Amino acid sequence: MRLPTVVAVAIIALPFVSERADALACYVILDRNDAVLYQDAVPPVDMSDSGVLARAELRRQGQFLMMMDADRCPRFVAPTGPSTGPAAVEEIVAGMRSYGGSTAGVRPTGRAATGTR
C-alpha cells in the first residue's frame, strides 16, 4: 500500500479504536441499601493520598464510593437534616434556573398582554 492509502485507512479507523473523548468521570456514593447519596463529576472527597481518612470514614459509615466513565453525570446530593418530607415549593423554585428568554408581551401575572381586559 502506498503511504496516502495507509493514512486514509488510519483516519477512517481512528473513531472505532480510540476511547470516547466525551466521556467524563462520574462519582457516586451509595449507602448500605444501595440508595444514591451523591452523584457528580466532582469527587466528593480528596482522591489523593491525603484523602485516605475521608475515604475510610465513608467505609466506616457503610457507604460505597463508585467511580465510572459516563457520557453525562447529572448532579445529585441527597438532602440531609430534619426535613424528611417532600420538598416545599420554595425549595423547588430556589433550585430552578431562570428562564432567560424574552418576556415581551407577558404581564407579571403570566397572562399575555392584550388591548382589552
PDB file of N, CA and C in Angstrom:
ATOM      1  N   MET A   1       0.840  -1.179   0.000  1.00  0.00           N
ATOM      2  CA  MET A   1       0.000   0.000   0.000  1.00  0.00           C
ATOM      3  C   MET A   1       0.880   1.236   0.000  1.00  0.00           C
ATOM      4  N   ARG A   2       0.371   2.226  -0.629  1.00  0.00           N
ATOM      5  CA  ARG A   2       1.088   3.482  -0.645  1.00  0.00           C
ATOM      6  C   ARG A   2       0.786   4.258   0.629  1.00  0.00           C
ATOM      7  N   LEU A   3       1.632   5.205   0.979  1.00  0.00           N
ATOM      8  CA  LEU A   3       1.509   5.985   2.210  1.00  0.00           C
ATOM      9  C   LEU A   3       0.167   6.723   2.305  1.00  0.00           C
ATOM     10  N   PRO A   4      -0.311   7.406   1.256  1.00  0.00           N
ATOM     11  CA  PRO A   4      -1.605   8.085   1.379  1.00  0.00           C
ATOM     12  C   PRO A   4      -2.756   7.105   1.677  1.00  0.00           C
ATOM     13  N   THR A   5      -2.688   5.915   1.150  1.00  0.00           N
ATOM     14  CA  THR A   5      -3.732   4.920   1.413  1.00  0.00           C
ATOM     15  C   THR A   5      -3.690   4.476   2.869  1.00  0.00           C
ATOM     16  N   VAL A   6      -2.506   4.284   3.411  1.00  0.00           N
ATOM     17  CA  VAL A   6      -2.346   3.883   4.805  1.00  0.00           C
ATOM     18  C   VAL A   6      -2.886   4.983   5.722  1.00  0.00           C
ATOM     19  N   VAL A   7      -2.568   6.226   5.415  1.00  0.00           N
ATOM     20  CA  VAL A   7      -3.050   7.352   6.215  1.00  0.00           C
ATOM     21  C   VAL A   7      -4.571   7.438   6.142  1.00  0.00           C
ATOM     22  N   ALA A   8      -5.146   7.246   4.976  1.00  0.00           N
ATOM     23  CA  ALA A   8      -6.598   7.302   4.823  1.00  0.00           C
ATOM     24  C   ALA A   8      -7.273   6.200   5.630  1.00  0.00           C
ATOM     25  N   VAL A   9      -6.735   4.998   5.609  1.00  0.00           N
ATOM     26  CA  VAL A   9      -7.291   3.885   6.378  1.00  0.00           C
ATOM     27  C   VAL A   9      -7.180   4.180   7.876  1.00  0.00           C
ATOM     28  N   ALA A  10      -6.072   4.741   8.305  1.00  0.00           N
ATOM     29  CA  ALA A  10      -5.883   5.073   9.723  1.00  0.00           C
ATOM     30  C   ALA A  10      -6.877   6.128  10.173  1.00  0.00           C
ATOM     31  N   ILE A  11      -7.118   7.128   9.357  1.00  0.00           N
ATOM     32  CA  ILE A  11      -8.074   8.178   9.713  1.00  0.00           C
ATOM     33  C   ILE A  11      -9.489   7.618   9.803  1.00  0.00           C
ATOM     34  N   ILE A  12      -9.853   6.741   8.897  1.00  0.00           N
ATOM     35  CA  ILE A  12     -11.190   6.145   8.914  1.00  0.00           C
ATOM     36  C   ILE A  12     -11.352   5.228  10.125  1.00  0.00           C
ATOM     37  N   ALA A  13     -10.312   4.503  10.497  1.00  0.00           N
ATOM     38  CA  ALA A  13     -10.397   3.546  11.603  1.00  0.00           C
ATOM     39  C   ALA A  13     -10.275   4.209  12.975  1.00  0.00           C
ATOM     40  N   LEU A  14      -9.722   5.404  13.046  1.00  0.00           N
ATOM     41  CA  LEU A  14      -9.467   6.062  14.322  1.00  0.00           C
ATOM     42  C   LEU A  14     -10.694   6.179  15.219  1.00  0.00           C
ATOM     43  N   PRO A  15     -11.855   6.597  14.736  1.00  0.00           N
ATOM     44  CA  PRO A  15     -13.014   6.701  15.637  1.00  0.00           C
ATOM     45  C   PRO A  15     -13.444   5.366  16.240  1.00  0.00           C
ATOM     46  N   PHE A  16     -13.144   4.277  15.577  1.00  0.00           N
ATOM     47  CA  PHE A  16     -13.576   2.969  16.054  1.00  0.00           C
ATOM     48  C   PHE A  16     -12.629   2.352  17.077  1.00  0.00           C
ATOM     49  N   VAL A  17     -11.389   2.806  17.104  1.00  0.00           N
ATOM     50  CA  VAL A  17     -10.417   2.215  18.016  1.00  0.00           C
ATOM     51  C   VAL A  17     -10.034   3.141  19.157  1.00  0.00           C
ATOM     52  N   SER A  18     -10.370   4.416  19.071  1.00  0.00           N
ATOM     53  CA  SER A  18      -9.989   5.339  20.138  1.00  0.00           C
ATOM     54  C   SER A  18     -11.046   5.343  21.239  1.00  0.00           C
ATOM     55  N   GLU A  19     -10.600   5.739  22.413  1.00  0.00           N
ATOM     56  CA  GLU A  19     -11.511   5.863  23.541  1.00  0.00           C
ATOM     57  C   GLU A  19     -12.382   7.089  23.326  1.00  0.00           C
ATOM     58  N   ARG A  20     -13.593   7.028  23.842  1.00  0.00           N
ATOM     59  CA  ARG A  20     -14.508   8.154  23.674  1.00  0.00           C
ATOM     60  C   ARG A  20     -13.929   9.397  24.337  1.00  0.00           C
ATOM     61  N   ALA A  21     -13.864  10.480  23.595  1.00  0.00           N
ATOM     62  CA  ALA A  21     -13.306  11.718  24.123  1.00  0.00           C
ATOM     63  C   ALA A  21     -14.304  12.477  24.976  1.00  0.00           C
ATOM     64  N   ASP A  22     -15.602  12.224  24.798  1.00  0.00           N
ATOM     65  CA  ASP A  22     -16.592  12.984  25.537  1.00  0.00           C
ATOM     66  C   ASP A  22     -17.002  12.309  26.854  1.00  0.00           C
ATOM     67  N   ALA A  23     -16.395  11.195  27.206  1.00  0.00           N
ATOM     68  CA  ALA A  23     -16.691  10.533  28.475  1.00  0.00           C
ATOM     69  C   ALA A  23     -16.034  11.305  29.606  1.00  0.00           C
ATOM     70  N   LEU A  24     -16.710  11.333  30.757  1.00  0.00           N
ATOM     71  CA  LEU A  24     -16.149  12.013  31.908  1.00  0.00           C
ATOM     72  C   LEU A  24     -16.292  11.123  33.132  1.00  0.00           C
ATOM     73  N   ALA A  25     -15.500  11.411  34.133  1.00  0.00           N
ATOM     74  CA  ALA A  25     -15.559  10.626  35.367  1.00  0.00           C
ATOM     75  C   ALA A  25     -16.806  11.028  36.143  1.00  0.00           C
ATOM     76  N   CYS A  26     -17.529  10.047  36.637  1.00  0.00           N
ATOM     77  CA  CYS A  26     -18.734  10.280  37.429  1.00  0.00           C
ATOM     78  C   CYS A  26     -18.540   9.564  38.767  1.00  0.00           C
ATOM     79  N   TYR A  27     -18.698  10.293  39.854  1.00  0.00           N
ATOM     80  CA  TYR A  27     -18.515   9.751  41.197  1.00  0.00           C
ATOM     81  C   TYR A  27     -19.890   9.561  41.842  1.00  0.00           C
ATOM     82  N   VAL A  28     -20.118   8.382  42.401  1.00  0.00           N
ATOM     83  CA  VAL A  28     -21.401   8.058  43.028  1.00  0.00           C
ATOM     84  C   VAL A  28     -21.121   7.461  44.401  1.00  0.00           C
ATOM     85  N   ILE A  29     -21.856   7.936  45.413  1.00  0.00           N
ATOM     86  CA  ILE A  29     -21.782   7.336  46.745  1.00  0.00           C
ATOM     87  C   ILE A  29     -23.109   6.648  47.011  1.00  0.00           C
ATOM     88  N   LEU A  30     -23.040   5.359  47.359  1.00  0.00           N
ATOM     89  CA  LEU A  30     -24.219   4.567  47.701  1.00  0.00           C
ATOM     90  C   LEU A  30     -24.194   4.247  49.187  1.00  0.00           C
ATOM     91  N   ASP A  31     -25.384   4.172  49.807  1.00  0.00           N
ATOM     92  CA  ASP A  31     -25.417   3.771  51.214  1.00  0.00           C
ATOM     93  C   ASP A  31     -25.576   2.262  51.312  1.00  0.00           C
ATOM     94  N   ARG A  32     -25.784   1.773  52.533  1.00  0.00           N
ATOM     95  CA  ARG A  32     -25.902   0.319  52.757  1.00  0.00           C
ATOM     96  C   ARG A  32     -27.047  -0.320  51.972  1.00  0.00           C
ATOM     97  N   ASN A  33     -28.089   0.476  51.698  1.00  0.00           N
ATOM     98  CA  ASN A  33     -29.268  -0.044  50.993  1.00  0.00           C
ATOM     99  C   ASN A  33     -29.231   0.271  49.504  1.00  0.00           C
ATOM    100  N   ASP A  34     -28.068   0.641  48.992  1.00  0.00           N
ATOM    101  CA  ASP A  34     -27.859   0.986  47.580  1.00  0.00           C
ATOM    102  C   ASP A  34     -28.632   2.225  47.135  1.00  0.00           C
ATOM    103  N   ALA A  35     -28.985   3.093  48.069  1.00  0.00           N
ATOM    104  CA  ALA A  35     -29.606   4.375  47.717  1.00  0.00           C
ATOM    105  C   ALA A  35     -28.486   5.360  47.363  1.00  0.00           C
ATOM    106  N   VAL A  36     -28.709   6.148  46.328  1.00  0.00           N
ATOM    107  CA  VAL A  36     -27.710   7.116  45.898  1.00  0.00           C
ATOM    108  C   VAL A  36     -27.726   8.312  46.847  1.00  0.00           C
ATOM    109  N   LEU A  37     -26.565   8.605  47.425  1.00  0.00           N
ATOM    110  CA  LEU A  37     -26.424   9.750  48.315  1.00  0.00           C
ATOM    111  C   LEU A  37     -25.785  10.939  47.606  1.00  0.00           C
ATOM    112  N   TYR A  38     -24.948  10.647  46.618  1.00  0.00           N
ATOM    113  CA  TYR A  38     -24.190  11.689  45.933  1.00  0.00           C
ATOM    114  C   TYR A  38     -23.866  11.207  44.530  1.00  0.00           C
ATOM    115  N   GLN A  39     -23.970  12.124  43.566  1.00  0.00           N
ATOM    116  CA  GLN A  39     -23.539  11.837  42.192  1.00  0.00           C
ATOM    117  C   GLN A  39     -23.118  13.148  41.562  1.00  0.00           C
ATOM    118  N   ASP A  40     -21.913  13.192  41.034  1.00  0.00           N
ATOM    119  CA  ASP A  40     -21.417  14.401  40.387  1.00  0.00           C
ATOM    120  C   ASP A  40     -20.113  14.077  39.668  1.00  0.00           C
ATOM    121  N   ALA A  41     -19.703  14.984  38.793  1.00  0.00           N
ATOM    122  CA  ALA A  41     -18.417  14.829  38.112  1.00  0.00           C
ATOM    123  C   ALA A  41     -17.271  15.298  38.996  1.00  0.00           C
ATOM    124  N   VAL A  42     -17.588  15.932  40.115  1.00  0.00           N
ATOM    125  CA  VAL A  42     -16.588  16.386  41.074  1.00  0.00           C
ATOM    126  C   VAL A  42     -16.496  15.340  42.183  1.00  0.00           C
ATOM    127  N   PRO A  43     -15.305  14.870  42.521  1.00  0.00           N
ATOM    128  CA  PRO A  43     -15.206  13.853  43.573  1.00  0.00           C
ATOM    129  C   PRO A  43     -15.682  14.405  44.919  1.00  0.00           C
ATOM    130  N   PRO A  44     -16.395  13.591  45.695  1.00  0.00           N
ATOM    131  CA  PRO A  44     -16.936  14.061  46.975  1.00  0.00           C
ATOM    132  C   PRO A  44     -15.879  14.171  48.070  1.00  0.00           C
ATOM    133  N   VAL A  45     -14.776  13.495  47.909  1.00  0.00           N
ATOM    134  CA  VAL A  45     -13.673  13.535  48.869  1.00  0.00           C
ATOM    135  C   VAL A  45     -12.375  13.686  48.101  1.00  0.00           C
ATOM    136  N   ASP A  46     -11.324  14.013  48.823  1.00  0.00           N
ATOM    137  CA  ASP A  46      -9.997  14.145  48.226  1.00  0.00           C
ATOM    138  C   ASP A  46      -9.547  12.760  47.746  1.00  0.00           C
ATOM    139  N   MET A  47      -9.259  12.643  46.461  1.00  0.00           N
ATOM    140  CA  MET A  47      -8.880  11.348  45.896  1.00  0.00           C
ATOM    141  C   MET A  47      -7.367  11.121  45.932  1.00  0.00           C
ATOM    142  N   SER A  48      -6.610  12.084  46.446  1.00  0.00           N
ATOM    143  CA  SER A  48      -5.162  11.900  46.547  1.00  0.00           C
ATOM    144  C   SER A  48      -4.832  11.102  47.807  1.00  0.00           C
ATOM    145  N   ASP A  49      -3.549  10.889  48.039  1.00  0.00           N
ATOM    146  CA  ASP A  49      -3.120  10.160  49.235  1.00  0.00           C
ATOM    147  C   ASP A  49      -3.544  10.856  50.522  1.00  0.00           C
ATOM    148  N   SER A  50      -3.695  12.166  50.494  1.00  0.00           N
ATOM    149  CA  SER A  50      -4.084  12.884  51.707  1.00  0.00           C
ATOM    150  C   SER A  50      -5.574  12.715  52.039  1.00  0.00           C
ATOM    151  N   GLY A  51      -6.348  12.096  51.167  1.00  0.00           N
ATOM    152  CA  GLY A  51      -7.768  11.866  51.418  1.00  0.00           C
ATOM    153  C   GLY A  51      -8.078  10.484  51.957  1.00  0.00           C
ATOM    154  N   VAL A  52      -7.074   9.759  52.410  1.00  0.00           N
ATOM    155  CA  VAL A  52      -7.260   8.392  52.911  1.00  0.00           C
ATOM    156  C   VAL A  52      -8.245   8.358  54.071  1.00  0.00           C
ATOM    157  N   LEU A  53      -8.126   9.300  55.005  1.00  0.00           N
ATOM    158  CA  LEU A  53      -9.007   9.308  56.176  1.00  0.00           C
ATOM    159  C   LEU A  53     -10.464   9.585  55.783  1.00  0.00           C
ATOM    160  N   ALA A  54     -10.682  10.480  54.833  1.00  0.00           N
ATOM    161  CA  ALA A  54     -12.043  10.786  54.384  1.00  0.00           C
ATOM    162  C   ALA A  54     -12.670   9.568  53.720  1.00  0.00           C
ATOM    163  N   ARG A  55     -11.896   8.847  52.922  1.00  0.00           N
ATOM    164  CA  ARG A  55     -12.435   7.644  52.270  1.00  0.00           C
ATOM    165  C   ARG A  55     -12.679   6.538  53.291  1.00  0.00           C
ATOM    166  N   ALA A  56     -11.825   6.455  54.314  1.00  0.00           N
ATOM    167  CA  ALA A  56     -12.031   5.465  55.379  1.00  0.00           C
ATOM    168  C   ALA A  56     -13.312   5.777  56.159  1.00  0.00           C
ATOM    169  N   GLU A  57     -13.605   7.058  56.327  1.00  0.00           N
ATOM    170  CA  GLU A  57     -14.829   7.457  57.020  1.00  0.00           C
ATOM    171  C   GLU A  57     -16.067   7.047  56.219  1.00  0.00           C
ATOM    172  N   LEU A  58     -16.002   7.148  54.914  1.00  0.00           N
ATOM    173  CA  LEU A  58     -17.113   6.671  54.078  1.00  0.00           C
ATOM    174  C   LEU A  58     -17.364   5.189  54.324  1.00  0.00           C
ATOM    175  N   ARG A  59     -16.297   4.407  54.325  1.00  0.00           N
ATOM    176  CA  ARG A  59     -16.437   2.960  54.555  1.00  0.00           C
ATOM    177  C   ARG A  59     -16.974   2.675  55.954  1.00  0.00           C
ATOM    178  N   ARG A  60     -16.510   3.453  56.947  1.00  0.00           N
ATOM    179  CA  ARG A  60     -16.964   3.251  58.322  1.00  0.00           C
ATOM    180  C   ARG A  60     -18.469   3.499  58.439  1.00  0.00           C
ATOM    181  N   GLN A  61     -18.993   4.431  57.651  1.00  0.00           N
ATOM    182  CA  GLN A  61     -20.417   4.737  57.657  1.00  0.00           C
ATOM    183  C   GLN A  61     -21.218   3.781  56.778  1.00  0.00           C
ATOM    184  N   GLY A  62     -20.557   2.807  56.179  1.00  0.00           N
ATOM    185  CA  GLY A  62     -21.253   1.841  55.328  1.00  0.00           C
ATOM    186  C   GLY A  62     -21.566   2.373  53.949  1.00  0.00           C
ATOM    187  N   GLN A  63     -20.824   3.389  53.511  1.00  0.00           N
ATOM    188  CA  GLN A  63     -21.048   3.976  52.197  1.00  0.00           C
ATOM    189  C   GLN A  63     -20.019   3.440  51.212  1.00  0.00           C
ATOM    190  N   PHE A  64     -20.421   3.390  49.945  1.00  0.00           N
ATOM    191  CA  PHE A  64     -19.585   2.828  48.892  1.00  0.00           C
ATOM    192  C   PHE A  64     -19.362   3.897  47.839  1.00  0.00           C
ATOM    193  N   LEU A  65     -18.105   4.225  47.566  1.00  0.00           N
ATOM    194  CA  LEU A  65     -17.763   5.200  46.537  1.00  0.00           C
ATOM    195  C   LEU A  65     -17.477   4.467  45.244  1.00  0.00           C
ATOM    196  N   MET A  66     -18.208   4.826  44.204  1.00  0.00           N
ATOM    197  CA  MET A  66     -18.047   4.195  42.903  1.00  0.00           C
ATOM    198  C   MET A  66     -17.637   5.272  41.900  1.00  0.00           C
ATOM    199  N   MET A  67     -16.670   4.968  41.058  1.00  0.00           N
ATOM    200  CA  MET A  67     -16.229   5.874  40.001  1.00  0.00           C
ATOM    201  C   MET A  67     -16.440   5.180  38.665  1.00  0.00           C
ATOM    202  N   MET A  68     -16.965   5.926  37.688  1.00  0.00           N
ATOM    203  CA  MET A  68     -17.194   5.328  36.378  1.00  0.00           C
ATOM    204  C   MET A  68     -17.082   6.398  35.308  1.00  0.00           C
ATOM    205  N   ASP A  69     -16.812   5.969  34.087  1.00  0.00           N
ATOM    206  CA  ASP A  69     -16.848   6.868  32.945  1.00  0.00           C
ATOM    207  C   ASP A  69     -18.273   6.914  32.439  1.00  0.00           C
ATOM    208  N   ALA A  70     -18.740   8.111  32.122  1.00  0.00           N
ATOM    209  CA  ALA A  70     -20.118   8.269  31.656  1.00  0.00           C
ATOM    210  C   ALA A  70     -20.177   9.376  30.614  1.00  0.00           C
ATOM    211  N   ASP A  71     -21.209   9.340  29.789  1.00  0.00           N
ATOM    212  CA  ASP A  71     -21.428  10.404  28.812  1.00  0.00           C
ATOM    213  C   ASP A  71     -21.887  11.677  29.503  1.00  0.00           C
ATOM    214  N   ARG A  72     -22.687  11.500  30.560  1.00  0.00           N
ATOM    215  CA  ARG A  72     -23.144  12.636  31.348  1.00  0.00           C
ATOM    216  C   ARG A  72     -23.281  12.174  32.791  1.00  0.00           C
ATOM    217  N   CYS A  73     -23.206  13.113  33.700  1.00  0.00           N
ATOM    218  CA  CYS A  73     -23.257  12.782  35.122  1.00  0.00           C
ATOM    219  C   CYS A  73     -24.094  13.841  35.830  1.00  0.00           C
ATOM    220  N   PRO A  74     -25.418  13.691  35.837  1.00  0.00           N
ATOM    221  CA  PRO A  74     -26.251  14.705  36.475  1.00  0.00           C
ATOM    222  C   PRO A  74     -25.959  14.799  37.969  1.00  0.00           C
ATOM    223  N   ARG A  75     -25.881  16.030  38.460  1.00  0.00           N
ATOM    224  CA  ARG A  75     -25.538  16.267  39.864  1.00  0.00           C
ATOM    225  C   ARG A  75     -26.722  15.898  40.746  1.00  0.00           C
ATOM    226  N   PHE A  76     -26.437  15.151  41.804  1.00  0.00           N
ATOM    227  CA  PHE A  76     -27.445  14.794  42.800  1.00  0.00           C
ATOM    228  C   PHE A  76     -26.769  14.715  44.153  1.00  0.00           C
ATOM    229  N   VAL A  77     -27.339  15.412  45.123  1.00  0.00           N
ATOM    230  CA  VAL A  77     -26.883  15.322  46.502  1.00  0.00           C
ATOM    231  C   VAL A  77     -28.132  15.087  47.337  1.00  0.00           C
ATOM    232  N   ALA A  78     -28.146  13.973  48.061  1.00  0.00           N
ATOM    233  CA  ALA A  78     -29.305  13.629  48.874  1.00  0.00           C
ATOM    234  C   ALA A  78     -29.491  14.676  49.966  1.00  0.00           C
ATOM    235  N   PRO A  79     -30.739  15.041  50.253  1.00  0.00           N
ATOM    236  CA  PRO A  79     -30.988  16.017  51.316  1.00  0.00           C
ATOM    237  C   PRO A  79     -30.588  15.450  52.670  1.00  0.00           C
ATOM    238  N   THR A  80     -30.076  16.315  53.514  1.00  0.00           N
ATOM    239  CA  THR A  80     -29.712  15.917  54.868  1.00  0.00           C
ATOM    240  C   THR A  80     -30.411  16.845  55.843  1.00  0.00           C
ATOM    241  N   GLY A  81     -30.512  16.423  57.060  1.00  0.00           N
ATOM    242  CA  GLY A  81     -31.115  17.266  58.081  1.00  0.00           C
ATOM    243  C   GLY A  81     -32.499  16.783  58.461  1.00  0.00           C
ATOM    244  N   PRO A  82     -33.247  17.620  59.212  1.00  0.00           N
ATOM    245  CA  PRO A  82     -34.536  17.191  59.749  1.00  0.00           C
ATOM    246  C   PRO A  82     -35.636  17.051  58.716  1.00  0.00           C
ATOM    247  N   SER A  83     -35.512  17.685  57.563  1.00  0.00           N
ATOM    248  CA  SER A  83     -36.575  17.633  56.563  1.00  0.00           C
ATOM    249  C   SER A  83     -36.591  16.264  55.888  1.00  0.00           C
ATOM    250  N   THR A  84     -37.624  15.468  56.182  1.00  0.00           N
ATOM    251  CA  THR A  84     -37.719  14.147  55.571  1.00  0.00           C
ATOM    252  C   THR A  84     -38.917  14.037  54.640  1.00  0.00           C
ATOM    253  N   GLY A  85     -39.778  15.038  54.632  1.00  0.00           N
ATOM    254  CA  GLY A  85     -40.970  15.012  53.783  1.00  0.00           C
ATOM    255  C   GLY A  85     -40.656  15.532  52.393  1.00  0.00           C
ATOM    256  N   PRO A  86     -41.699  15.702  51.601  1.00  0.00           N
ATOM    257  CA  PRO A  86     -41.492  16.230  50.251  1.00  0.00           C
ATOM    258  C   PRO A  86     -41.007  17.675  50.296  1.00  0.00           C
ATOM    259  N   ALA A  87     -40.332  18.101  49.247  1.00  0.00           N
ATOM    260  CA  ALA A  87     -39.791  19.448  49.168  1.00  0.00           C
ATOM    261  C   ALA A  87     -40.918  20.465  49.073  1.00  0.00           C
ATOM    262  N   ALA A  88     -40.701  21.616  49.707  1.00  0.00           N
ATOM    263  CA  ALA A  88     -41.663  22.713  49.622  1.00  0.00           C
ATOM    264  C   ALA A  88     -41.494  23.412  48.275  1.00  0.00           C
ATOM    265  N   VAL A  89     -42.521  24.126  47.859  1.00  0.00           N
ATOM    266  CA  VAL A  89     -42.474  24.843  46.584  1.00  0.00           C
ATOM    267  C   VAL A  89     -41.298  25.816  46.570  1.00  0.00           C
ATOM    268  N   GLU A  90     -41.061  26.498  47.686  1.00  0.00           N
ATOM    269  CA  GLU A  90     -39.962  27.457  47.757  1.00  0.00           C
ATOM    270  C   GLU A  90     -38.616  26.769  47.529  1.00  0.00           C
ATOM    271  N   GLU A  91     -38.440  25.565  48.064  1.00  0.00           N
ATOM    272  CA  GLU A  91     -37.193  24.832  47.874  1.00  0.00           C
ATOM    273  C   GLU A  91     -37.004  24.432  46.413  1.00  0.00           C
ATOM    274  N   ILE A  92     -38.073  24.024  45.774  1.00  0.00           N
ATOM    275  CA  ILE A  92     -38.003  23.620  44.363  1.00  0.00           C
ATOM    276  C   ILE A  92     -37.685  24.818  43.486  1.00  0.00           C
ATOM    277  N   VAL A  93     -38.402  25.934  43.706  1.00  0.00           N
ATOM    278  CA  VAL A  93     -38.200  27.131  42.896  1.00  0.00           C
ATOM    279  C   VAL A  93     -36.800  27.692  43.113  1.00  0.00           C
ATOM    280  N   ALA A  94     -36.286  27.639  44.336  1.00  0.00           N
ATOM    281  CA  ALA A  94     -34.945  28.159  44.609  1.00  0.00           C
ATOM    282  C   ALA A  94     -33.883  27.403  43.827  1.00  0.00           C
ATOM    283  N   GLY A  95     -34.112  26.142  43.507  1.00  0.00           N
ATOM    284  CA  GLY A  95     -33.141  25.350  42.775  1.00  0.00           C
ATOM    285  C   GLY A  95     -33.287  25.419  41.269  1.00  0.00           C
ATOM    286  N   MET A  96     -34.306  26.135  40.770  1.00  0.00           N
ATOM    287  CA  MET A  96     -34.540  26.213  39.329  1.00  0.00           C
ATOM    288  C   MET A  96     -33.711  27.330  38.707  1.00  0.00           C
ATOM    289  N   ARG A  97     -33.281  27.095  37.488  1.00  0.00           N
ATOM    290  CA  ARG A  97     -32.578  28.139  36.744  1.00  0.00           C
ATOM    291  C   ARG A  97     -33.591  29.134  36.210  1.00  0.00           C
ATOM    292  N   SER A  98     -33.142  30.373  35.989  1.00  0.00           N
ATOM    293  CA  SER A  98     -34.041  31.358  35.407  1.00  0.00           C
ATOM    294  C   SER A  98     -34.268  31.023  33.939  1.00  0.00           C
ATOM    295  N   TYR A  99     -35.392  31.474  33.410  1.00  0.00           N
ATOM    296  CA  TYR A  99     -35.759  31.163  32.033  1.00  0.00           C
ATOM    297  C   TYR A  99     -34.797  31.795  31.050  1.00  0.00           C
ATOM    298  N   GLY A 100     -34.481  33.071  31.240  1.00  0.00           N
ATOM    299  CA  GLY A 100     -33.513  33.734  30.379  1.00  0.00           C
ATOM    300  C   GLY A 100     -34.034  34.096  29.010  1.00  0.00           C
ATOM    301  N   GLY A 101     -35.301  33.827  28.740  1.00  0.00           N
ATOM    302  CA  GLY A 101     -35.878  34.146  27.437  1.00  0.00           C
ATOM    303  C   GLY A 101     -36.561  35.496  27.459  1.00  0.00           C
ATOM    304  N   SER A 102     -37.173  35.856  26.374  1.00  0.00           N
ATOM    305  CA  SER A 102     -37.870  37.128  26.263  1.00  0.00           C
ATOM    306  C   SER A 102     -39.191  37.049  27.005  1.00  0.00           C
ATOM    307  N   THR A 103     -39.502  38.105  27.752  1.00  0.00           N
ATOM    308  CA  THR A 103     -40.790  38.177  28.446  1.00  0.00           C
ATOM    309  C   THR A 103     -41.651  39.260  27.830  1.00  0.00           C
ATOM    310  N   ALA A 104     -41.318  39.690  26.618  1.00  0.00           N
ATOM    311  CA  ALA A 104     -42.074  40.732  25.946  1.00  0.00           C
ATOM    312  C   ALA A 104     -43.501  40.268  25.705  1.00  0.00           C
ATOM    313  N   GLY A 105     -44.440  41.132  26.073  1.00  0.00           N
ATOM    314  CA  GLY A 105     -45.849  40.814  25.843  1.00  0.00           C
ATOM    315  C   GLY A 105     -46.467  39.946  26.927  1.00  0.00           C
ATOM    316  N   VAL A 106     -45.749  39.691  28.014  1.00  0.00           N
ATOM    317  CA  VAL A 106     -46.293  38.877  29.091  1.00  0.00           C
ATOM    318  C   VAL A 106     -46.339  39.724  30.351  1.00  0.00           C
ATOM    319  N   ARG A 107     -47.502  39.786  30.966  1.00  0.00           N
ATOM    320  CA  ARG A 107     -47.656  40.529  32.207  1.00  0.00           C
ATOM    321  C   ARG A 107     -47.056  39.736  33.363  1.00  0.00           C
ATOM    322  N   PRO A 108     -46.802  40.404  34.485  1.00  0.00           N
ATOM    323  CA  PRO A 108     -46.297  39.691  35.658  1.00  0.00           C
ATOM    324  C   PRO A 108     -47.234  38.591  36.148  1.00  0.00           C
ATOM    325  N   THR A 109     -48.514  38.671  35.771  1.00  0.00           N
ATOM    326  CA  THR A 109     -49.466  37.636  36.181  1.00  0.00           C
ATOM    327  C   THR A 109     -49.292  36.363  35.377  1.00  0.00           C
ATOM    328  N   GLY A 110     -48.514  36.434  34.298  1.00  0.00           N
ATOM    329  CA  GLY A 110     -48.314  35.262  33.450  1.00  0.00           C
ATOM    330  C   GLY A 110     -49.271  35.229  32.277  1.00  0.00           C
ATOM    331  N   ARG A 111     -50.196  36.177  32.222  1.00  0.00           N
ATOM    332  CA  ARG A 111     -51.147  36.237  31.111  1.00  0.00           C
ATOM    333  C   ARG A 111     -50.580  37.082  29.993  1.00  0.00           C
ATOM    334  N   ALA A 112     -50.940  36.777  28.797  1.00  0.00           N
ATOM    335  CA  ALA A 112     -50.480  37.551  27.652  1.00  0.00           C
ATOM    336  C   ALA A 112     -51.125  38.924  27.682  1.00  0.00           C
ATOM    337  N   ALA A 113     -50.333  39.946  27.334  1.00  0.00           N
ATOM    338  CA  ALA A 113     -50.853  41.304  27.289  1.00  0.00           C
ATOM    339  C   ALA A 113     -51.751  41.460  26.091  1.00  0.00           C
ATOM    340  N   THR A 114     -52.939  42.013  26.315  1.00  0.00           N
ATOM    341  CA  THR A 114     -53.876  42.256  25.219  1.00  0.00           C
ATOM    342  C   THR A 114     -54.367  43.681  25.318  1.00  0.00           C
ATOM    343  N   GLY A 115     -55.063  44.149  24.303  1.00  0.00           N
ATOM    344  CA  GLY A 115     -55.580  45.521  24.284  1.00  0.00           C
ATOM    345  C   GLY A 115     -56.773  45.704  25.209  1.00  0.00           C
ATOM    346  N   THR A 116     -57.505  44.647  25.519  1.00  0.00           N
ATOM    347  CA  THR A 116     -58.686  44.746  26.385  1.00  0.00           C
ATOM    348  C   THR A 116     -58.518  43.882  27.596  1.00  0.00           C
ATOM    349  N   ARG A 117     -59.333  44.173  28.607  1.00  0.00           N
ATOM    350  CA  ARG A 117     -59.258  43.378  29.825  1.00  0.00           C
ATOM    351  C   ARG A 117     -60.402  42.453  29.897  1.00  0.00           C
TER     352      ARG A 117
END
